[in-house]
Amino acid sequence: MEPGGFVTSPTYAKHAEKIYRMKPRSEDVWLLTFPKCGTTWTCELLWLLQNNCDYETAGKTGLTLRTPFLEMPYLSTKMQAMREMFMNVDKVEQLPSPRVIRPHMPMYLLPPTLLDTAKVVYVARNPKDVIVSYFFHHKLIKLHGFTGTMDEFAEFFMDDEVFNAPYFAHILEAWSKRDHPNMHFMFYEDMKRNLRGEIEKVAAFLGKTLGEEELVKLTEHLKFDNFKTNESVNNESGKKTGAFNQEGNFIRKGKTGDWKNHFSPELNCRINAWIEKNLAGTDLKFVTELENQD
């Protein structure tokens, strides 16, 4: 779609203006991410911070209902039968505050008053691991119907031919607004390197104060191995409903540097050149490997 070349569906396009004209609230927290950049992980953190670390309610209520994926009901005509499972714009507008809302759309397609009204958290992840994670995401979810190879998928990704592309435009738009007082720009890799430290930063941004015991408990709750087995967030129910293939998991490895297990030297060289070209003239830098991580 134009402007911006954003890749989405005709079904979404019919509802784009409705999303654009939403009224953000000052009590809102909007989580903005390109897919597979730690969205689910950060969503759980934000919801718990906004709801006094209510683990009991979190455990009983799926994350999709607690933190609506704004455009999900509009992504495909095949979603018609499932729309009642998701929060469309009308339902989101009826939710009580505080709301945590998580679109994957770029900022220019979201309400223009968003950043001046609500708190916005943007999570960026290095593109190499995003490509790998998004590849397995496409293999898992039947709706995508992707049967190609990693090399083929990487080419689609670099050519801006996957849902939510272009990747760099998505991140660089938010990066340009990182100094706005209502924007907290963070990196997935920092969460992997120092989860507790990043929790403290996000809590401070939201004006929340956590005691030592609360910090320890929240950090333990969000540790990746614990998070992966949490049924309220791991989306394993998608296999029971038939939306997912049986092989694979929605919450997979989450490791920084996993791309090294999947890229050939030739593919890695092409991706390096693509990254260098798109970051030319910017001060954005990515961490693609970590010695120590959760």
Protein backbone atom coordinates (compact mmCIF):
# COMPACT_ATOMS: atom_id res chain seq x y z
CA MET A 1 0.00 0.00 0.00
CA GLU A 2 1.07 3.58 -0.48
CA PRO A 3 2.56 5.71 0.87
CA GLY A 4 5.52 3.83 2.29
CA GLY A 5 5.17 0.50 0.49
CA PHE A 6 3.76 -1.18 3.61
CA VAL A 7 2.91 -4.82 2.85
CA THR A 8 -0.46 -5.90 4.17
CA SER A 9 -3.79 -7.30 2.95
CA PRO A 10 -6.71 -5.72 1.06
CA THR A 11 -8.87 -6.66 4.05
CA TYR A 12 -6.74 -4.51 6.33
CA ALA A 13 -6.83 -1.65 3.82
CA LYS A 14 -10.61 -1.45 4.18
CA HIS A 15 -10.19 -0.76 7.91
CA ALA A 16 -7.01 1.33 7.81
CA GLU A 17 -8.77 4.65 8.29
CA LYS A 18 -10.71 3.34 11.29
CA ILE A 19 -7.43 2.43 13.01
CA TYR A 20 -5.84 5.74 11.98
CA ARG A 21 -8.73 7.69 13.53
CA MET A 22 -8.65 5.91 16.89
CA LYS A 23 -8.40 8.14 19.95
CA PRO A 24 -5.39 7.23 22.12
CA ARG A 25 -5.71 7.85 25.84
CA SER A 26 -3.14 9.32 28.19
CA GLU A 27 -3.35 6.13 30.29
CA ASP A 28 -2.53 3.93 27.28
CA VAL A 29 0.68 2.08 26.60
CA TRP A 30 1.18 1.17 22.94
CA LEU A 31 3.81 -1.44 22.11
CA LEU A 32 5.17 -1.03 18.59
CA THR A 33 7.28 -3.71 16.96
CA PHE A 34 8.07 -5.34 13.66
CA PRO A 35 6.94 -8.99 13.98
CA LYS A 36 9.23 -11.39 15.88
CA CYS A 37 11.06 -8.67 17.79
CA GLY A 38 9.95 -9.67 21.28
CA THR A 39 6.36 -8.47 21.04
CA THR A 40 4.77 -11.18 23.18
CA TRP A 41 7.56 -11.05 25.75
CA THR A 42 7.37 -7.27 26.16
CA CYS A 43 3.56 -7.32 26.13
CA GLU A 44 3.49 -9.50 29.21
CA LEU A 45 5.92 -7.13 30.94
CA LEU A 46 3.86 -4.05 30.07
CA TRP A 47 0.55 -5.58 31.08
CA LEU A 48 1.89 -6.70 34.45
CA LEU A 49 3.45 -3.30 35.14
CA GLN A 50 0.20 -1.57 34.24
CA ASN A 51 -1.89 -3.95 36.36
CA ASN A 52 0.01 -4.11 39.65
CA CYS A 53 1.70 -7.41 38.75
CA ASP A 54 -1.61 -9.29 38.87
CA TYR A 55 -0.21 -12.74 38.01
CA GLU A 56 -3.47 -14.47 38.90
CA THR A 57 -5.49 -12.63 36.24
CA ALA A 58 -2.61 -12.91 33.78
CA GLY A 59 -2.53 -16.68 34.23
CA LYS A 60 -6.27 -17.03 33.66
CA THR A 61 -6.61 -14.71 30.67
CA GLY A 62 -4.80 -15.11 27.37
CA LEU A 63 -2.47 -12.32 26.33
CA THR A 64 -4.49 -11.74 23.13
CA LEU A 65 -7.43 -10.58 25.22
CA ARG A 66 -5.34 -8.60 27.70
CA THR A 67 -3.22 -6.81 25.07
CA PRO A 68 -5.15 -6.58 21.80
CA PHE A 69 -3.27 -7.12 18.54
CA LEU A 70 -4.93 -4.19 16.84
CA GLU A 71 -4.98 -5.18 13.18
CA MET A 72 -5.28 -8.97 13.62
CA PRO A 73 -9.04 -9.16 12.86
CA TYR A 74 -8.45 -7.37 9.57
CA LEU A 75 -5.52 -9.28 8.09
CA SER A 76 -7.39 -11.82 5.99
CA THR A 77 -10.84 -12.78 4.82
CA LYS A 78 -10.02 -16.20 6.28
CA MET A 79 -10.11 -14.55 9.72
CA GLN A 80 -13.86 -13.89 9.40
CA ALA A 81 -14.83 -16.94 11.44
CA MET A 82 -12.24 -16.11 14.12
CA ARG A 83 -12.90 -12.40 14.53
CA GLU A 84 -14.83 -12.84 17.75
CA MET A 85 -11.63 -14.22 19.29
CA PHE A 86 -9.80 -10.96 18.65
CA MET A 87 -10.29 -7.38 19.71
CA ASN A 88 -11.38 -5.27 16.75
CA VAL A 89 -11.18 -1.48 16.96
CA ASP A 90 -14.71 -1.14 18.33
CA LYS A 91 -13.94 -3.54 21.17
CA VAL A 92 -10.58 -1.92 21.91
CA GLU A 93 -12.25 1.47 22.19
CA GLN A 94 -14.63 0.05 24.82
CA LEU A 95 -11.86 -1.39 27.00
CA PRO A 96 -11.33 0.30 30.37
CA SER A 97 -8.04 2.03 31.08
CA PRO A 98 -5.22 1.30 31.39
CA ARG A 99 -4.96 -0.34 27.98
CA VAL A 100 -1.92 -2.07 26.48
CA ILE A 101 -2.26 -2.14 22.68
CA ARG A 102 0.17 -3.84 20.28
CA PRO A 103 0.02 -3.14 16.56
CA HIS A 104 2.72 -4.28 14.16
CA MET A 105 1.99 -1.35 11.87
CA PRO A 106 4.50 1.45 11.25
CA MET A 107 3.92 4.67 13.14
CA TYR A 108 2.70 6.67 10.15
CA LEU A 109 -0.37 4.41 9.84
CA LEU A 110 -1.29 4.82 13.52
CA PRO A 111 -3.25 7.70 15.06
CA PRO A 112 -1.26 10.92 14.50
CA THR A 113 -1.85 12.03 18.10
CA LEU A 114 -0.46 8.78 19.53
CA LEU A 115 3.00 9.89 20.62
CA ASP A 116 1.80 13.19 22.10
CA THR A 117 -0.99 11.45 24.03
CA ALA A 118 0.05 7.97 25.18
CA LYS A 119 3.19 6.15 26.28
CA VAL A 120 4.87 4.29 23.41
CA VAL A 121 7.37 1.46 23.80
CA TYR A 122 9.24 0.41 20.65
CA VAL A 123 11.27 -2.82 20.62
CA ALA A 124 13.85 -3.38 17.87
CA ARG A 125 15.68 -6.63 17.17
CA ASN A 126 18.63 -7.29 14.90
CA PRO A 127 17.46 -8.18 11.38
CA LYS A 128 19.37 -11.44 11.10
CA ASP A 129 17.53 -13.07 13.99
CA VAL A 130 14.26 -11.49 12.86
CA ILE A 131 14.61 -13.20 9.47
CA VAL A 132 15.16 -16.59 11.13
CA SER A 133 12.33 -16.18 13.62
CA TYR A 134 9.91 -14.88 10.96
CA PHE A 135 10.82 -17.81 8.69
CA PHE A 136 9.81 -20.34 11.36
CA HIS A 137 6.73 -18.24 12.14
CA HIS A 138 5.66 -18.62 8.52
CA LYS A 139 6.30 -22.35 8.68
CA LEU A 140 4.20 -22.66 11.83
CA ILE A 141 1.09 -20.68 10.92
CA LYS A 142 -1.06 -22.38 8.30
CA LEU A 143 -2.53 -19.11 7.05
CA HIS A 144 0.85 -18.11 5.59
CA GLY A 145 1.12 -21.32 3.58
CA PHE A 146 4.87 -20.87 3.15
CA THR A 147 6.79 -23.95 2.03
CA GLY A 148 10.03 -22.40 0.80
CA THR A 149 13.60 -22.47 2.09
CA MET A 150 15.44 -20.12 4.43
CA ASP A 151 17.32 -18.63 1.46
CA GLU A 152 14.08 -17.99 -0.39
CA PHE A 153 12.46 -16.42 2.64
CA ALA A 154 15.48 -14.18 3.28
CA GLU A 155 15.20 -12.88 -0.29
CA PHE A 156 11.49 -12.14 0.19
CA PHE A 157 12.37 -10.33 3.42
CA MET A 158 15.14 -8.22 1.90
CA ASP A 159 12.95 -7.41 -1.12
CA ASP A 160 10.18 -6.13 1.22
CA GLU A 161 7.76 -8.87 0.15
CA VAL A 162 6.64 -10.20 3.54
CA PHE A 163 3.82 -9.01 5.80
CA ASN A 164 4.67 -5.75 7.60
CA ALA A 165 7.67 -4.99 5.38
CA PRO A 166 9.67 -2.87 4.86
CA TYR A 167 11.63 -3.75 7.99
CA PHE A 168 14.10 -0.85 8.01
CA ALA A 169 11.51 1.85 7.37
CA HIS A 170 9.49 0.49 10.29
CA ILE A 171 12.41 0.75 12.71
CA LEU A 172 14.00 3.94 11.41
CA GLU A 173 10.75 5.89 11.71
CA ALA A 174 10.57 5.03 15.40
CA TRP A 175 14.32 5.56 15.86
CA SER A 176 13.91 9.12 14.60
CA LYS A 177 11.42 9.76 17.42
CA ARG A 178 13.40 8.05 20.19
CA ASP A 179 14.03 11.30 22.07
CA HIS A 180 10.34 12.15 22.43
CA PRO A 181 9.45 12.08 26.17
CA ASN A 182 6.62 9.62 25.53
CA MET A 183 8.82 7.18 23.58
CA HIS A 184 10.88 4.41 25.14
CA PHE A 185 13.03 2.80 22.43
CA MET A 186 14.62 -0.48 23.50
CA PHE A 187 16.46 -3.43 21.98
CA TYR A 188 15.55 -7.10 22.26
CA GLU A 189 19.22 -7.91 22.70
CA ASP A 190 19.39 -5.77 25.84
CA MET A 191 16.53 -7.78 27.33
CA LYS A 192 18.47 -10.95 26.58
CA ARG A 193 21.63 -9.51 28.11
CA ASN A 194 20.15 -7.89 31.23
CA LEU A 195 16.45 -8.62 31.67
CA ARG A 196 16.17 -7.14 35.14
CA GLY A 197 17.90 -3.93 34.08
CA GLU A 198 15.51 -3.47 31.16
CA ILE A 199 12.50 -4.18 33.39
CA GLU A 200 13.68 -1.40 35.71
CA LYS A 201 14.02 1.03 32.78
CA VAL A 202 10.55 0.28 31.46
CA ALA A 203 9.03 0.54 34.93
CA ALA A 204 10.66 3.95 35.40
CA PHE A 205 9.36 5.09 32.00
CA LEU A 206 5.83 4.11 33.04
CA GLY A 207 6.19 5.73 36.45
CA LYS A 208 6.00 2.43 38.32
CA THR A 209 8.00 1.63 41.43
CA LEU A 210 8.84 -2.00 42.19
CA GLY A 211 10.34 -3.30 45.41
CA GLU A 212 13.16 -5.83 45.43
CA GLU A 213 10.83 -8.80 45.94
CA GLU A 214 8.55 -7.65 43.11
CA LEU A 215 11.52 -7.16 40.77
CA VAL A 216 12.88 -10.62 41.51
CA LYS A 217 9.48 -12.24 40.93
CA LEU A 218 8.81 -10.34 37.69
CA THR A 219 12.27 -11.11 36.34
CA GLU A 220 11.82 -14.81 37.11
CA HIS A 221 8.36 -14.79 35.51
CA LEU A 222 9.79 -13.31 32.30
CA LYS A 223 12.90 -15.50 32.03
CA PHE A 224 12.68 -17.04 28.60
CA ASP A 225 12.53 -20.69 29.70
CA ASN A 226 9.67 -19.88 32.09
CA PHE A 227 7.93 -17.69 29.55
CA LYS A 228 8.04 -20.39 26.89
CA THR A 229 6.05 -22.81 29.08
CA ASN A 230 3.47 -20.21 30.20
CA GLU A 231 0.20 -21.28 28.54
CA SER A 232 -1.36 -17.82 28.83
CA VAL A 233 1.28 -16.37 26.49
CA ASN A 234 2.90 -19.14 24.41
CA ASN A 235 -0.01 -19.53 21.94
CA GLU A 236 0.27 -23.32 21.89
CA SER A 237 -3.54 -23.32 21.73
CA GLY A 238 -3.11 -22.52 18.03
CA LYS A 239 -2.28 -26.19 17.46
CA LYS A 240 -5.53 -27.28 19.11
CA THR A 241 -7.61 -24.91 16.98
CA GLY A 242 -5.87 -26.00 13.79
CA ALA A 243 -4.42 -22.55 13.08
CA PHE A 244 -0.86 -23.83 13.60
CA ASN A 245 1.00 -26.80 12.20
CA GLN A 246 2.01 -29.35 14.80
CA GLU A 247 5.73 -28.95 14.16
CA GLY A 248 7.35 -25.91 15.73
CA ASN A 249 6.43 -23.46 18.48
CA PHE A 250 5.24 -19.85 18.55
CA ILE A 251 7.75 -19.10 21.32
CA ARG A 252 10.82 -20.78 19.83
CA LYS A 253 14.45 -20.24 20.97
CA GLY A 254 14.64 -16.50 21.43
CA LYS A 255 18.44 -16.64 21.21
CA THR A 256 20.50 -13.76 19.89
CA GLY A 257 22.86 -15.13 17.25
CA ASP A 258 20.73 -18.12 16.26
CA TRP A 259 21.06 -16.90 12.67
CA LYS A 260 24.53 -18.52 12.62
CA ASN A 261 22.82 -21.92 12.70
CA HIS A 262 20.77 -21.16 9.59
CA PHE A 263 22.66 -18.85 7.20
CA SER A 264 25.18 -20.07 4.67
CA PRO A 265 28.29 -17.87 4.32
CA GLU A 266 26.99 -16.65 0.95
CA LEU A 267 23.56 -15.72 2.36
CA ASN A 268 25.16 -14.00 5.34
CA CYS A 269 27.29 -11.87 3.00
CA ARG A 270 24.21 -10.78 1.07
CA ILE A 271 22.37 -9.91 4.28
CA ASN A 272 25.38 -7.96 5.58
CA ALA A 273 25.42 -5.89 2.38
CA TRP A 274 21.66 -5.28 2.67
CA ILE A 275 22.02 -4.12 6.27
CA GLU A 276 24.96 -1.85 5.44
CA LYS A 277 23.05 -0.26 2.56
CA ASN A 278 19.95 0.43 4.66
CA LEU A 279 21.84 1.80 7.66
CA ALA A 280 24.05 4.13 5.60
CA GLY A 281 23.71 7.67 6.90
CA THR A 282 22.05 6.60 10.16
CA ASP A 283 23.44 6.10 13.67
CA LEU A 284 21.38 2.97 14.32
CA LYS A 285 23.49 -0.08 15.16
CA PHE A 286 22.52 -3.67 15.90
CA VAL A 287 24.01 -6.32 18.16
CA THR A 288 23.89 -9.67 16.31
CA GLU A 289 25.75 -11.86 18.83
CA LEU A 290 25.94 -12.08 22.62
CA GLU A 291 28.47 -13.95 24.75
CA ASN A 292 26.09 -14.17 27.70
CA GLN A 293 22.31 -14.16 27.53
CA ASP A 294 19.26 -15.48 29.36
